[in-house]
Amino acid sequence: MTCYRITRLKALDSDKIKEIGERMRETIEAMGADFIDVAEDNDGNMVVVARYPDESTMEAATATAQGAFGQMITQGAADGSSIDQWNGEVIMSF
């Protein structure tokens, strides 16, 4: 069943987050997600929405996702205390 991992965070440096994402593009694309979108509001709040074909693919991608967020934190691009993650399965689509 299709699964989502949604992560919210506070960007301290949006450009650096984009740079980190671009450097990791091939690795991230190989995680098996159907898509990963990153959105930001005018206050620097970001949300990362990742859709996976199933829970096992999502779980297999966990280490890579943690590595990406870890780089964002250690490089001062994101506030580590702001990271909030939610996972869930699709129960209905329109």
Protein backbone atom coordinates (compact mmCIF):
# COMPACT_ATOMS: atom_id res chain seq x y z
CA MET A 1 0.00 0.00 0.00
CA THR A 2 1.24 3.51 -0.82
CA CYS A 3 2.92 5.30 2.12
CA TYR A 4 3.92 8.86 2.88
CA ARG A 5 6.69 10.24 5.03
CA ILE A 6 6.13 13.92 5.76
CA THR A 7 8.86 15.87 7.51
CA ARG A 8 8.55 19.44 8.75
CA LEU A 9 11.56 21.58 9.61
CA LYS A 10 12.73 25.15 10.03
CA ALA A 11 15.18 26.27 7.36
CA LEU A 12 18.02 28.45 8.57
CA ASP A 13 19.54 28.66 5.08
CA SER A 14 17.22 27.59 2.23
CA ASP A 15 19.91 27.94 -0.41
CA LYS A 16 22.20 25.57 1.50
CA ILE A 17 19.34 23.06 1.83
CA LYS A 18 18.90 23.17 -1.95
CA GLU A 19 22.66 22.70 -2.44
CA ILE A 20 22.70 19.66 -0.14
CA GLY A 21 19.70 18.20 -1.96
CA GLU A 22 21.33 18.71 -5.35
CA ARG A 23 24.58 17.08 -4.19
CA MET A 24 22.57 14.08 -2.96
CA ARG A 25 20.16 13.97 -5.94
CA GLU A 26 21.34 10.63 -7.37
CA THR A 27 21.34 8.94 -3.96
CA ILE A 28 17.92 10.34 -3.10
CA GLU A 29 16.47 9.37 -6.48
CA ALA A 30 17.71 5.80 -5.94
CA MET A 31 15.71 5.45 -2.68
CA GLY A 32 12.67 4.19 -4.56
CA ALA A 33 10.25 6.99 -3.74
CA ASP A 34 7.49 7.73 -6.24
CA PHE A 35 8.26 11.39 -5.62
CA ILE A 36 9.78 13.72 -3.04
CA ASP A 37 8.64 17.34 -2.98
CA VAL A 38 10.07 20.08 -0.78
CA ALA A 39 7.96 23.18 -0.12
CA GLU A 40 8.73 26.32 1.87
CA ASP A 41 6.60 29.17 3.15
CA ASN A 42 7.64 32.82 3.57
CA ASP A 43 8.78 32.20 7.17
CA GLY A 44 11.35 29.50 6.38
CA ASN A 45 9.12 26.61 7.41
CA MET A 46 9.72 23.64 5.11
CA VAL A 47 7.85 20.43 4.52
CA VAL A 48 9.29 17.40 2.72
CA VAL A 49 6.63 15.11 1.27
CA ALA A 50 7.87 11.70 0.14
CA ARG A 51 5.54 9.10 -1.37
CA TYR A 52 6.67 5.47 -1.49
CA PRO A 53 5.04 2.49 -3.19
CA ASP A 54 5.02 0.50 0.07
CA GLU A 55 6.21 0.51 3.68
CA SER A 56 9.26 -1.67 3.04
CA THR A 57 10.59 0.78 0.43
CA MET A 58 9.97 3.67 2.81
CA GLU A 59 11.79 1.89 5.65
CA ALA A 60 14.71 1.02 3.36
CA ALA A 61 15.06 4.74 2.54
CA THR A 62 15.23 5.79 6.20
CA ALA A 63 19.04 5.83 6.54
CA THR A 64 19.44 7.92 3.38
CA ALA A 65 16.77 10.39 4.53
CA GLN A 66 18.37 10.65 7.97
CA GLY A 67 21.73 11.29 6.32
CA ALA A 68 20.29 14.13 4.24
CA PHE A 69 18.66 15.77 7.26
CA GLY A 70 21.84 15.22 9.27
CA GLN A 71 23.86 17.12 6.68
CA MET A 72 21.33 19.96 6.75
CA ILE A 73 21.71 20.20 10.52
CA THR A 74 25.50 19.87 10.75
CA GLN A 75 26.01 22.41 7.96
CA GLY A 76 23.76 24.94 9.69
CA ALA A 77 21.04 24.87 7.05
CA ALA A 78 18.23 23.52 9.28
CA ASP A 79 17.27 23.73 12.93
CA GLY A 80 17.61 20.17 14.23
CA SER A 81 15.16 20.77 17.07
CA SER A 82 12.45 21.69 14.56
CA ILE A 83 12.38 18.37 12.69
CA ASP A 84 9.05 16.61 13.04
CA GLN A 85 8.27 13.47 11.07
CA TRP A 86 5.00 11.70 10.31
CA ASN A 87 4.44 8.43 8.43
CA GLY A 88 1.16 7.00 7.20
CA GLU A 89 -0.55 4.76 4.66
CA VAL A 90 -3.03 5.93 2.07
CA ILE A 91 -6.54 4.89 3.03
CA MET A 92 -8.42 6.75 0.30
CA SER A 93 -7.69 8.77 -2.86
CA PHE A 94 -9.79 11.15 -4.91
